[in-house]
Structure formats: structure tokens, C-alpha cells
Amino acid sequence: MGREDFPSSWFKFDSMTLKRPSRPPAGARARRRVPARPARPRPPARAVRPLGVARTLRDVGQRIRAVRLARRITLAHVARETGLSAGMLSMVERGVVNPSIGTLVA
């Protein structure tokens, strides 16, 4: 839909900006107003992990990394074998994410 599809009176040049009047000219087809969607509720604030959980995640990740390095296996190799991404495995090793049991078993 280009400019030629609208009456020329809809376009005014003011300070090099293209503006449309607040009301369409007589005889122009008015648009229906669509009711606004209600605002989405805000998600609850993330709870801060207790220190014990954070420490446990870090310890599990360090243990996984130590075993991987002791066996001289690359992160890319583990990713291929487990079906997890190298990024996810790295976050588990650093204790950044809370891995599911399924992730740990993989």
C-alpha cells in the first residue's frame, strides 16, 4: 500500500516529517478501533538460590569438569555423545545452571 492509495489531504509536510491529520477527510472510510489487549501479568521475581544450593551446583560442575579433563575428553566430544550443547555443558561445569536429573544422567 503506497502513498497513492490515500487521499493527498492526508499528508502534510511539516518540518520534513510526514504526518496524518487526526481525523480523515469527509467521505474517507473510517477504521474500526480494536480494543487493546489487557496487560500481561508480570512474572514473579526470581528467588535467590540459597547458598547451599549454589555451592552444591558449583561442586557438581567442578567434579564433572575434573572427570572430563582427567580422561582428556573435549567439551565438544561430550556434547556429541550426550546430545547436549557444549554451551549447556559449560554452564553445568561452571555451576551457572541448575541441571535436571536427565541432564546429569546424559
PDB file of N, CA and C in Angstrom:
ATOM      1  N   MET A   1       0.840  -1.160   0.000  1.00  0.00           N
ATOM      2  CA  MET A   1       0.000   0.000   0.000  1.00  0.00           C
ATOM      3  C   MET A   1       0.894   1.235   0.000  1.00  0.00           C
ATOM      4  N   GLY A   2       0.831   2.005  -1.042  1.00  0.00           N
ATOM      5  CA  GLY A   2       1.684   3.176  -1.148  1.00  0.00           C
ATOM      6  C   GLY A   2       0.925   4.453  -0.890  1.00  0.00           C
ATOM      7  N   ARG A   3       1.636   5.534  -1.022  1.00  0.00           N
ATOM      8  CA  ARG A   3       1.052   6.849  -0.772  1.00  0.00           C
ATOM      9  C   ARG A   3      -0.084   7.135  -1.740  1.00  0.00           C
ATOM     10  N   GLU A   4       0.023   6.607  -2.950  1.00  0.00           N
ATOM     11  CA  GLU A   4      -1.006   6.877  -3.955  1.00  0.00           C
ATOM     12  C   GLU A   4      -2.353   6.261  -3.594  1.00  0.00           C
ATOM     13  N   ASP A   5      -2.394   5.346  -2.634  1.00  0.00           N
ATOM     14  CA  ASP A   5      -3.640   4.714  -2.211  1.00  0.00           C
ATOM     15  C   ASP A   5      -4.433   5.573  -1.240  1.00  0.00           C
ATOM     16  N   PHE A   6      -3.882   6.690  -0.805  1.00  0.00           N
ATOM     17  CA  PHE A   6      -4.544   7.548   0.165  1.00  0.00           C
ATOM     18  C   PHE A   6      -4.776   8.928  -0.436  1.00  0.00           C
ATOM     19  N   PRO A   7      -5.819   9.639   0.035  1.00  0.00           N
ATOM     20  CA  PRO A   7      -6.044  10.999  -0.455  1.00  0.00           C
ATOM     21  C   PRO A   7      -4.855  11.890  -0.110  1.00  0.00           C
ATOM     22  N   SER A   8      -4.535  12.807  -1.016  1.00  0.00           N
ATOM     23  CA  SER A   8      -3.381  13.688  -0.792  1.00  0.00           C
ATOM     24  C   SER A   8      -3.570  14.569   0.430  1.00  0.00           C
ATOM     25  N   SER A   9      -4.826  14.813   0.829  1.00  0.00           N
ATOM     26  CA  SER A   9      -5.059  15.665   2.001  1.00  0.00           C
ATOM     27  C   SER A   9      -4.613  14.995   3.295  1.00  0.00           C
ATOM     28  N   TRP A  10      -4.358  13.711   3.260  1.00  0.00           N
ATOM     29  CA  TRP A  10      -3.917  13.016   4.472  1.00  0.00           C
ATOM     30  C   TRP A  10      -2.459  13.301   4.787  1.00  0.00           C
ATOM     31  N   PHE A  11      -1.729  13.822   3.852  1.00  0.00           N
ATOM     32  CA  PHE A  11      -0.304  14.019   4.054  1.00  0.00           C
ATOM     33  C   PHE A  11       0.023  15.496   4.090  1.00  0.00           C
ATOM     34  N   LYS A  12       0.646  15.910   5.155  1.00  0.00           N
ATOM     35  CA  LYS A  12       1.094  17.288   5.297  1.00  0.00           C
ATOM     36  C   LYS A  12       2.586  17.254   5.557  1.00  0.00           C
ATOM     37  N   PHE A  13       3.288  18.130   4.920  1.00  0.00           N
ATOM     38  CA  PHE A  13       4.719  18.194   5.135  1.00  0.00           C
ATOM     39  C   PHE A  13       5.004  19.314   6.114  1.00  0.00           C
ATOM     40  N   ASP A  14       5.467  18.924   7.290  1.00  0.00           N
ATOM     41  CA  ASP A  14       5.768  19.896   8.330  1.00  0.00           C
ATOM     42  C   ASP A  14       7.138  19.563   8.885  1.00  0.00           C
ATOM     43  N   SER A  15       8.086  20.425   8.673  1.00  0.00           N
ATOM     44  CA  SER A  15       9.455  20.215   9.157  1.00  0.00           C
ATOM     45  C   SER A  15      10.028  18.897   8.652  1.00  0.00           C
ATOM     46  N   MET A  16       9.755  18.598   7.405  1.00  0.00           N
ATOM     47  CA  MET A  16      10.280  17.400   6.752  1.00  0.00           C
ATOM     48  C   MET A  16       9.767  16.097   7.363  1.00  0.00           C
ATOM     49  N   THR A  17       8.639  16.158   8.053  1.00  0.00           N
ATOM     50  CA  THR A  17       8.045  14.922   8.559  1.00  0.00           C
ATOM     51  C   THR A  17       6.707  14.709   7.887  1.00  0.00           C
ATOM     52  N   LEU A  18       6.339  13.498   7.712  1.00  0.00           N
ATOM     53  CA  LEU A  18       5.090  13.139   7.078  1.00  0.00           C
ATOM     54  C   LEU A  18       4.086  12.855   8.176  1.00  0.00           C
ATOM     55  N   LYS A  19       3.021  13.647   8.223  1.00  0.00           N
ATOM     56  CA  LYS A  19       2.031  13.463   9.283  1.00  0.00           C
ATOM     57  C   LYS A  19       0.653  13.264   8.674  1.00  0.00           C
ATOM     58  N   ARG A  20      -0.189  12.601   9.406  1.00  0.00           N
ATOM     59  CA  ARG A  20      -1.562  12.387   9.009  1.00  0.00           C
ATOM     60  C   ARG A  20      -2.454  13.169   9.958  1.00  0.00           C
ATOM     61  N   PRO A  21      -3.454  13.885   9.465  1.00  0.00           N
ATOM     62  CA  PRO A  21      -4.345  14.611  10.373  1.00  0.00           C
ATOM     63  C   PRO A  21      -5.035  13.649  11.323  1.00  0.00           C
ATOM     64  N   SER A  22      -5.498  14.185  12.445  1.00  0.00           N
ATOM     65  CA  SER A  22      -6.128  13.328  13.445  1.00  0.00           C
ATOM     66  C   SER A  22      -7.441  12.746  12.945  1.00  0.00           C
ATOM     67  N   ARG A  23      -8.143  13.462  12.067  1.00  0.00           N
ATOM     68  CA  ARG A  23      -9.400  12.947  11.524  1.00  0.00           C
ATOM     69  C   ARG A  23      -9.275  12.817  10.017  1.00  0.00           C
ATOM     70  N   PRO A  24      -9.779  11.714   9.448  1.00  0.00           N
ATOM     71  CA  PRO A  24      -9.735  11.582   7.994  1.00  0.00           C
ATOM     72  C   PRO A  24     -10.704  12.578   7.348  1.00  0.00           C
ATOM     73  N   PRO A  25     -10.473  12.967   6.126  1.00  0.00           N
ATOM     74  CA  PRO A  25     -11.378  13.903   5.451  1.00  0.00           C
ATOM     75  C   PRO A  25     -12.750  13.276   5.252  1.00  0.00           C
ATOM     76  N   ALA A  26     -13.743  14.123   5.032  1.00  0.00           N
ATOM     77  CA  ALA A  26     -15.117  13.656   4.840  1.00  0.00           C
ATOM     78  C   ALA A  26     -15.158  12.687   3.669  1.00  0.00           C
ATOM     79  N   GLY A  27     -15.901  11.627   3.821  1.00  0.00           N
ATOM     80  CA  GLY A  27     -16.042  10.641   2.763  1.00  0.00           C
ATOM     81  C   GLY A  27     -14.999   9.540   2.816  1.00  0.00           C
ATOM     82  N   ALA A  28     -13.990   9.721   3.609  1.00  0.00           N
ATOM     83  CA  ALA A  28     -12.966   8.679   3.733  1.00  0.00           C
ATOM     84  C   ALA A  28     -13.489   7.590   4.657  1.00  0.00           C
ATOM     85  N   ARG A  29     -13.082   6.409   4.388  1.00  0.00           N
ATOM     86  CA  ARG A  29     -13.535   5.278   5.197  1.00  0.00           C
ATOM     87  C   ARG A  29     -12.816   5.274   6.540  1.00  0.00           C
ATOM     88  N   ALA A  30     -13.589   5.238   7.609  1.00  0.00           N
ATOM     89  CA  ALA A  30     -13.010   5.252   8.955  1.00  0.00           C
ATOM     90  C   ALA A  30     -12.574   3.846   9.344  1.00  0.00           C
ATOM     91  N   ARG A  31     -11.522   3.772  10.095  1.00  0.00           N
ATOM     92  CA  ARG A  31     -11.042   2.475  10.588  1.00  0.00           C
ATOM     93  C   ARG A  31     -11.751   2.121  11.885  1.00  0.00           C
ATOM     94  N   ARG A  32     -11.954   0.821  12.052  1.00  0.00           N
ATOM     95  CA  ARG A  32     -12.530   0.355  13.315  1.00  0.00           C
ATOM     96  C   ARG A  32     -11.456   0.351  14.372  1.00  0.00           C
ATOM     97  N   ARG A  33     -11.839   0.694  15.553  1.00  0.00           N
ATOM     98  CA  ARG A  33     -10.886   0.632  16.658  1.00  0.00           C
ATOM     99  C   ARG A  33     -10.895  -0.775  17.233  1.00  0.00           C
ATOM    100  N   VAL A  34      -9.731  -1.301  17.433  1.00  0.00           N
ATOM    101  CA  VAL A  34      -9.587  -2.628  18.024  1.00  0.00           C
ATOM    102  C   VAL A  34      -9.278  -2.430  19.497  1.00  0.00           C
ATOM    103  N   PRO A  35     -10.040  -3.103  20.369  1.00  0.00           N
ATOM    104  CA  PRO A  35      -9.763  -2.920  21.799  1.00  0.00           C
ATOM    105  C   PRO A  35      -8.353  -3.395  22.146  1.00  0.00           C
ATOM    106  N   ALA A  36      -7.741  -2.668  23.037  1.00  0.00           N
ATOM    107  CA  ALA A  36      -6.382  -3.014  23.464  1.00  0.00           C
ATOM    108  C   ALA A  36      -6.399  -4.316  24.251  1.00  0.00           C
ATOM    109  N   ARG A  37      -5.318  -5.069  24.088  1.00  0.00           N
ATOM    110  CA  ARG A  37      -5.189  -6.304  24.867  1.00  0.00           C
ATOM    111  C   ARG A  37      -4.889  -5.957  26.312  1.00  0.00           C
ATOM    112  N   PRO A  38      -5.411  -6.751  27.229  1.00  0.00           N
ATOM    113  CA  PRO A  38      -5.045  -6.494  28.628  1.00  0.00           C
ATOM    114  C   PRO A  38      -3.557  -6.756  28.836  1.00  0.00           C
ATOM    115  N   ALA A  39      -2.981  -6.026  29.735  1.00  0.00           N
ATOM    116  CA  ALA A  39      -1.551  -6.177  30.011  1.00  0.00           C
ATOM    117  C   ALA A  39      -1.271  -7.566  30.560  1.00  0.00           C
ATOM    118  N   ARG A  40      -0.144  -8.117  30.149  1.00  0.00           N
ATOM    119  CA  ARG A  40       0.248  -9.428  30.675  1.00  0.00           C
ATOM    120  C   ARG A  40       0.691  -9.266  32.116  1.00  0.00           C
ATOM    121  N   PRO A  41       0.341 -10.220  32.946  1.00  0.00           N
ATOM    122  CA  PRO A  41       0.818 -10.123  34.333  1.00  0.00           C
ATOM    123  C   PRO A  41       2.328 -10.313  34.379  1.00  0.00           C
ATOM    124  N   ARG A  42       2.956  -9.611  35.263  1.00  0.00           N
ATOM    125  CA  ARG A  42       4.409  -9.728  35.406  1.00  0.00           C
ATOM    126  C   ARG A  42       4.765 -11.077  36.007  1.00  0.00           C
ATOM    127  N   PRO A  43       5.817 -11.685  35.499  1.00  0.00           N
ATOM    128  CA  PRO A  43       6.235 -12.948  36.112  1.00  0.00           C
ATOM    129  C   PRO A  43       6.760 -12.673  37.516  1.00  0.00           C
ATOM    130  N   PRO A  44       6.610 -13.637  38.398  1.00  0.00           N
ATOM    131  CA  PRO A  44       7.111 -13.416  39.757  1.00  0.00           C
ATOM    132  C   PRO A  44       8.623 -13.229  39.749  1.00  0.00           C
ATOM    133  N   ALA A  45       9.091 -12.454  40.674  1.00  0.00           N
ATOM    134  CA  ALA A  45      10.532 -12.200  40.771  1.00  0.00           C
ATOM    135  C   ALA A  45      11.254 -13.516  41.037  1.00  0.00           C
ATOM    136  N   ARG A  46      12.421 -13.662  40.429  1.00  0.00           N
ATOM    137  CA  ARG A  46      13.193 -14.884  40.646  1.00  0.00           C
ATOM    138  C   ARG A  46      13.689 -14.926  42.076  1.00  0.00           C
ATOM    139  N   ALA A  47      13.514 -16.067  42.649  1.00  0.00           N
ATOM    140  CA  ALA A  47      14.008 -16.237  44.009  1.00  0.00           C
ATOM    141  C   ALA A  47      15.518 -16.433  43.971  1.00  0.00           C
ATOM    142  N   VAL A  48      16.176 -15.887  44.919  1.00  0.00           N
ATOM    143  CA  VAL A  48      17.623 -16.057  45.023  1.00  0.00           C
ATOM    144  C   VAL A  48      17.882 -17.453  45.559  1.00  0.00           C
ATOM    145  N   ARG A  49      18.811 -18.160  44.917  1.00  0.00           N
ATOM    146  CA  ARG A  49      19.120 -19.517  45.366  1.00  0.00           C
ATOM    147  C   ARG A  49      19.787 -19.474  46.727  1.00  0.00           C
ATOM    148  N   PRO A  50      19.401 -20.387  47.600  1.00  0.00           N
ATOM    149  CA  PRO A  50      20.109 -20.475  48.877  1.00  0.00           C
ATOM    150  C   PRO A  50      21.579 -20.803  48.631  1.00  0.00           C
ATOM    151  N   LEU A  51      22.426 -20.344  49.514  1.00  0.00           N
ATOM    152  CA  LEU A  51      23.865 -20.524  49.351  1.00  0.00           C
ATOM    153  C   LEU A  51      24.239 -21.997  49.225  1.00  0.00           C
ATOM    154  N   GLY A  52      23.542 -22.872  49.946  1.00  0.00           N
ATOM    155  CA  GLY A  52      23.848 -24.303  49.889  1.00  0.00           C
ATOM    156  C   GLY A  52      23.615 -24.884  48.505  1.00  0.00           C
ATOM    157  N   VAL A  53      22.545 -24.457  47.842  1.00  0.00           N
ATOM    158  CA  VAL A  53      22.240 -24.961  46.503  1.00  0.00           C
ATOM    159  C   VAL A  53      23.293 -24.470  45.513  1.00  0.00           C
ATOM    160  N   ALA A  54      23.651 -23.199  45.599  1.00  0.00           N
ATOM    161  CA  ALA A  54      24.664 -22.642  44.695  1.00  0.00           C
ATOM    162  C   ALA A  54      25.998 -23.357  44.880  1.00  0.00           C
ATOM    163  N   ARG A  55      26.347 -23.613  46.113  1.00  0.00           N
ATOM    164  CA  ARG A  55      27.612 -24.304  46.386  1.00  0.00           C
ATOM    165  C   ARG A  55      27.568 -25.730  45.838  1.00  0.00           C
ATOM    166  N   THR A  56      26.429 -26.411  46.009  1.00  0.00           N
ATOM    167  CA  THR A  56      26.293 -27.779  45.509  1.00  0.00           C
ATOM    168  C   THR A  56      26.399 -27.814  43.987  1.00  0.00           C
ATOM    169  N   LEU A  57      25.733 -26.865  43.304  1.00  0.00           N
ATOM    170  CA  LEU A  57      25.815 -26.812  41.841  1.00  0.00           C
ATOM    171  C   LEU A  57      27.248 -26.588  41.386  1.00  0.00           C
ATOM    172  N   ARG A  58      27.944 -25.699  42.067  1.00  0.00           N
ATOM    173  CA  ARG A  58      29.338 -25.429  41.710  1.00  0.00           C
ATOM    174  C   ARG A  58      30.188 -26.676  41.923  1.00  0.00           C
ATOM    175  N   ASP A  59      29.963 -27.373  43.042  1.00  0.00           N
ATOM    176  CA  ASP A  59      30.743 -28.579  43.340  1.00  0.00           C
ATOM    177  C   ASP A  59      30.483 -29.688  42.319  1.00  0.00           C
ATOM    178  N   VAL A  60      29.216 -29.871  41.936  1.00  0.00           N
ATOM    179  CA  VAL A  60      28.881 -30.892  40.938  1.00  0.00           C
ATOM    180  C   VAL A  60      29.557 -30.552  39.610  1.00  0.00           C
ATOM    181  N   GLY A  61      29.477 -29.288  39.212  1.00  0.00           N
ATOM    182  CA  GLY A  61      30.109 -28.857  37.963  1.00  0.00           C
ATOM    183  C   GLY A  61      31.612 -29.052  37.978  1.00  0.00           C
ATOM    184  N   GLN A  62      32.242 -28.731  39.109  1.00  0.00           N
ATOM    185  CA  GLN A  62      33.693 -28.913  39.216  1.00  0.00           C
ATOM    186  C   GLN A  62      34.061 -30.387  39.119  1.00  0.00           C
ATOM    187  N   ARG A  63      33.252 -31.224  39.704  1.00  0.00           N
ATOM    188  CA  ARG A  63      33.512 -32.672  39.657  1.00  0.00           C
ATOM    189  C   ARG A  63      33.397 -33.204  38.227  1.00  0.00           C
ATOM    190  N   ILE A  64      32.360 -32.755  37.519  1.00  0.00           N
ATOM    191  CA  ILE A  64      32.170 -33.180  36.125  1.00  0.00           C
ATOM    192  C   ILE A  64      33.356 -32.730  35.271  1.00  0.00           C
ATOM    193  N   ARG A  65      33.776 -31.479  35.449  1.00  0.00           N
ATOM    194  CA  ARG A  65      34.911 -30.957  34.673  1.00  0.00           C
ATOM    195  C   ARG A  65      36.192 -31.722  35.001  1.00  0.00           C
ATOM    196  N   ALA A  66      36.409 -32.024  36.285  1.00  0.00           N
ATOM    197  CA  ALA A  66      37.624 -32.741  36.687  1.00  0.00           C
ATOM    198  C   ALA A  66      37.675 -34.127  36.042  1.00  0.00           C
ATOM    199  N   VAL A  67      36.540 -34.827  36.026  1.00  0.00           N
ATOM    200  CA  VAL A  67      36.496 -36.157  35.410  1.00  0.00           C
ATOM    201  C   VAL A  67      36.753 -36.049  33.908  1.00  0.00           C
ATOM    202  N   ARG A  68      36.124 -35.055  33.266  1.00  0.00           N
ATOM    203  CA  ARG A  68      36.304 -34.875  31.821  1.00  0.00           C
ATOM    204  C   ARG A  68      37.763 -34.584  31.476  1.00  0.00           C
ATOM    205  N   LEU A  69      38.382 -33.695  32.241  1.00  0.00           N
ATOM    206  CA  LEU A  69      39.777 -33.345  31.968  1.00  0.00           C
ATOM    207  C   LEU A  69      40.724 -34.502  32.284  1.00  0.00           C
ATOM    208  N   ALA A  70      40.417 -35.265  33.339  1.00  0.00           N
ATOM    209  CA  ALA A  70      41.263 -36.410  33.686  1.00  0.00           C
ATOM    210  C   ALA A  70      41.247 -37.456  32.576  1.00  0.00           C
ATOM    211  N   ARG A  71      40.118 -37.575  31.901  1.00  0.00           N
ATOM    212  CA  ARG A  71      40.008 -38.536  30.798  1.00  0.00           C
ATOM    213  C   ARG A  71      40.439 -37.927  29.465  1.00  0.00           C
ATOM    214  N   ARG A  72      40.842 -36.665  29.491  1.00  0.00           N
ATOM    215  CA  ARG A  72      41.282 -35.943  28.289  1.00  0.00           C
ATOM    216  C   ARG A  72      40.216 -35.957  27.193  1.00  0.00           C
ATOM    217  N   ILE A  73      39.007 -35.629  27.595  1.00  0.00           N
ATOM    218  CA  ILE A  73      37.874 -35.569  26.666  1.00  0.00           C
ATOM    219  C   ILE A  73      37.504 -34.097  26.482  1.00  0.00           C
ATOM    220  N   THR A  74      37.248 -33.711  25.249  1.00  0.00           N
ATOM    221  CA  THR A  74      36.869 -32.322  24.988  1.00  0.00           C
ATOM    222  C   THR A  74      35.389 -32.103  25.283  1.00  0.00           C
ATOM    223  N   LEU A  75      35.061 -30.856  25.492  1.00  0.00           N
ATOM    224  CA  LEU A  75      33.668 -30.486  25.727  1.00  0.00           C
ATOM    225  C   LEU A  75      32.823 -30.802  24.491  1.00  0.00           C
ATOM    226  N   ALA A  76      33.383 -30.598  23.308  1.00  0.00           N
ATOM    227  CA  ALA A  76      32.665 -30.894  22.060  1.00  0.00           C
ATOM    228  C   ALA A  76      32.360 -32.388  21.946  1.00  0.00           C
ATOM    229  N   HIS A  77      33.304 -33.234  22.365  1.00  0.00           N
ATOM    230  CA  HIS A  77      33.084 -34.684  22.314  1.00  0.00           C
ATOM    231  C   HIS A  77      31.955 -35.088  23.269  1.00  0.00           C
ATOM    232  N   VAL A  78      31.987 -34.560  24.476  1.00  0.00           N
ATOM    233  CA  VAL A  78      30.923 -34.872  25.447  1.00  0.00           C
ATOM    234  C   VAL A  78      29.581 -34.392  24.908  1.00  0.00           C
ATOM    235  N   ALA A  79      29.565 -33.224  24.274  1.00  0.00           N
ATOM    236  CA  ALA A  79      28.321 -32.688  23.715  1.00  0.00           C
ATOM    237  C   ALA A  79      27.757 -33.627  22.652  1.00  0.00           C
ATOM    238  N   ARG A  80      28.616 -34.119  21.765  1.00  0.00           N
ATOM    239  CA  ARG A  80      28.157 -35.054  20.725  1.00  0.00           C
ATOM    240  C   ARG A  80      27.617 -36.339  21.340  1.00  0.00           C
ATOM    241  N   GLU A  81      28.300 -36.869  22.332  1.00  0.00           N
ATOM    242  CA  GLU A  81      27.907 -38.146  22.937  1.00  0.00           C
ATOM    243  C   GLU A  81      26.619 -38.046  23.755  1.00  0.00           C
ATOM    244  N   THR A  82      26.385 -36.910  24.385  1.00  0.00           N
ATOM    245  CA  THR A  82      25.219 -36.767  25.263  1.00  0.00           C
ATOM    246  C   THR A  82      24.020 -36.137  24.581  1.00  0.00           C
ATOM    247  N   GLY A  83      24.244 -35.447  23.457  1.00  0.00           N
ATOM    248  CA  GLY A  83      23.141 -34.755  22.797  1.00  0.00           C
ATOM    249  C   GLY A  83      22.852 -33.393  23.404  1.00  0.00           C
ATOM    250  N   LEU A  84      23.685 -32.966  24.327  1.00  0.00           N
ATOM    251  CA  LEU A  84      23.538 -31.640  24.926  1.00  0.00           C
ATOM    252  C   LEU A  84      24.469 -30.679  24.204  1.00  0.00           C
ATOM    253  N   SER A  85      24.151 -29.398  24.276  1.00  0.00           N
ATOM    254  CA  SER A  85      25.027 -28.425  23.616  1.00  0.00           C
ATOM    255  C   SER A  85      26.276 -28.194  24.461  1.00  0.00           C
ATOM    256  N   ALA A  86      27.347 -27.802  23.790  1.00  0.00           N
ATOM    257  CA  ALA A  86      28.591 -27.503  24.504  1.00  0.00           C
ATOM    258  C   ALA A  86      28.380 -26.338  25.459  1.00  0.00           C
ATOM    259  N   GLY A  87      27.546 -25.383  25.067  1.00  0.00           N
ATOM    260  CA  GLY A  87      27.252 -24.241  25.937  1.00  0.00           C
ATOM    261  C   GLY A  87      26.559 -24.664  27.220  1.00  0.00           C
ATOM    262  N   MET A  88      25.589 -25.583  27.089  1.00  0.00           N
ATOM    263  CA  MET A  88      24.880 -26.080  28.274  1.00  0.00           C
ATOM    264  C   MET A  88      25.842 -26.834  29.184  1.00  0.00           C
ATOM    265  N   LEU A  89      26.680 -27.672  28.602  1.00  0.00           N
ATOM    266  CA  LEU A  89      27.644 -28.419  29.410  1.00  0.00           C
ATOM    267  C   LEU A  89      28.608 -27.476  30.123  1.00  0.00           C
ATOM    268  N   SER A  90      29.030 -26.436  29.441  1.00  0.00           N
ATOM    269  CA  SER A  90      29.925 -25.458  30.051  1.00  0.00           C
ATOM    270  C   SER A  90      29.249 -24.775  31.238  1.00  0.00           C
ATOM    271  N   MET A  91      27.961 -24.429  31.078  1.00  0.00           N
ATOM    272  CA  MET A  91      27.241 -23.782  32.182  1.00  0.00           C
ATOM    273  C   MET A  91      27.068 -24.729  33.362  1.00  0.00           C
ATOM    274  N   VAL A  92      26.859 -26.016  33.078  1.00  0.00           N
ATOM    275  CA  VAL A  92      26.761 -27.003  34.166  1.00  0.00           C
ATOM    276  C   VAL A  92      28.093 -27.087  34.896  1.00  0.00           C
ATOM    277  N   GLU A  93      29.184 -27.153  34.141  1.00  0.00           N
ATOM    278  CA  GLU A  93      30.513 -27.249  34.758  1.00  0.00           C
ATOM    279  C   GLU A  93      30.845 -26.019  35.598  1.00  0.00           C
ATOM    280  N   ARG A  94      30.349 -24.856  35.180  1.00  0.00           N
ATOM    281  CA  ARG A  94      30.625 -23.626  35.932  1.00  0.00           C
ATOM    282  C   ARG A  94      29.634 -23.386  37.063  1.00  0.00           C
ATOM    283  N   GLY A  95      28.584 -24.221  37.157  1.00  0.00           N
ATOM    284  CA  GLY A  95      27.594 -24.065  38.215  1.00  0.00           C
ATOM    285  C   GLY A  95      26.630 -22.920  37.977  1.00  0.00           C
ATOM    286  N   VAL A  96      26.477 -22.523  36.719  1.00  0.00           N
ATOM    287  CA  VAL A  96      25.609 -21.395  36.374  1.00  0.00           C
ATOM    288  C   VAL A  96      24.151 -21.821  36.287  1.00  0.00           C
ATOM    289  N   VAL A  97      23.901 -23.034  35.795  1.00  0.00           N
ATOM    290  CA  VAL A  97      22.528 -23.518  35.631  1.00  0.00           C
ATOM    291  C   VAL A  97      22.247 -24.639  36.617  1.00  0.00           C
ATOM    292  N   ASN A  98      20.962 -24.858  36.832  1.00  0.00           N
ATOM    293  CA  ASN A  98      20.514 -25.933  37.702  1.00  0.00           C
ATOM    294  C   ASN A  98      20.091 -27.084  36.788  1.00  0.00           C
ATOM    295  N   PRO A  99      20.974 -28.032  36.505  1.00  0.00           N
ATOM    296  CA  PRO A  99      20.642 -29.085  35.542  1.00  0.00           C
ATOM    297  C   PRO A  99      19.616 -30.062  36.104  1.00  0.00           C
ATOM    298  N   SER A 100      18.783 -30.581  35.207  1.00  0.00           N
ATOM    299  CA  SER A 100      17.814 -31.595  35.624  1.00  0.00           C
ATOM    300  C   SER A 100      18.535 -32.926  35.826  1.00  0.00           C
ATOM    301  N   ILE A 101      17.849 -33.844  36.458  1.00  0.00           N
ATOM    302  CA  ILE A 101      18.422 -35.180  36.662  1.00  0.00           C
ATOM    303  C   ILE A 101      18.714 -35.822  35.305  1.00  0.00           C
ATOM    304  N   GLY A 102      17.806 -35.627  34.337  1.00  0.00           N
ATOM    305  CA  GLY A 102      18.010 -36.177  32.998  1.00  0.00           C
ATOM    306  C   GLY A 102      19.275 -35.647  32.348  1.00  0.00           C
ATOM    307  N   THR A 103      19.555 -34.362  32.562  1.00  0.00           N
ATOM    308  CA  THR A 103      20.778 -33.773  32.014  1.00  0.00           C
ATOM    309  C   THR A 103      21.998 -34.382  32.674  1.00  0.00           C
ATOM    310  N   LEU A 104      21.952 -34.572  33.971  1.00  0.00           N
ATOM    311  CA  LEU A 104      23.099 -35.142  34.684  1.00  0.00           C
ATOM    312  C   LEU A 104      23.335 -36.597  34.301  1.00  0.00           C
ATOM    313  N   VAL A 105      22.252 -37.335  34.041  1.00  0.00           N
ATOM    314  CA  VAL A 105      22.381 -38.741  33.672  1.00  0.00           C
ATOM    315  C   VAL A 105      22.953 -38.866  32.263  1.00  0.00           C
ATOM    316  N   ALA A 106      22.594 -37.930  31.383  1.00  0.00           N
ATOM    317  CA  ALA A 106      23.071 -37.975  29.996  1.00  0.00           C
ATOM    318  C   ALA A 106      24.577 -37.872  29.999  1.00  0.00           C
TER     319      ALA A 106
END
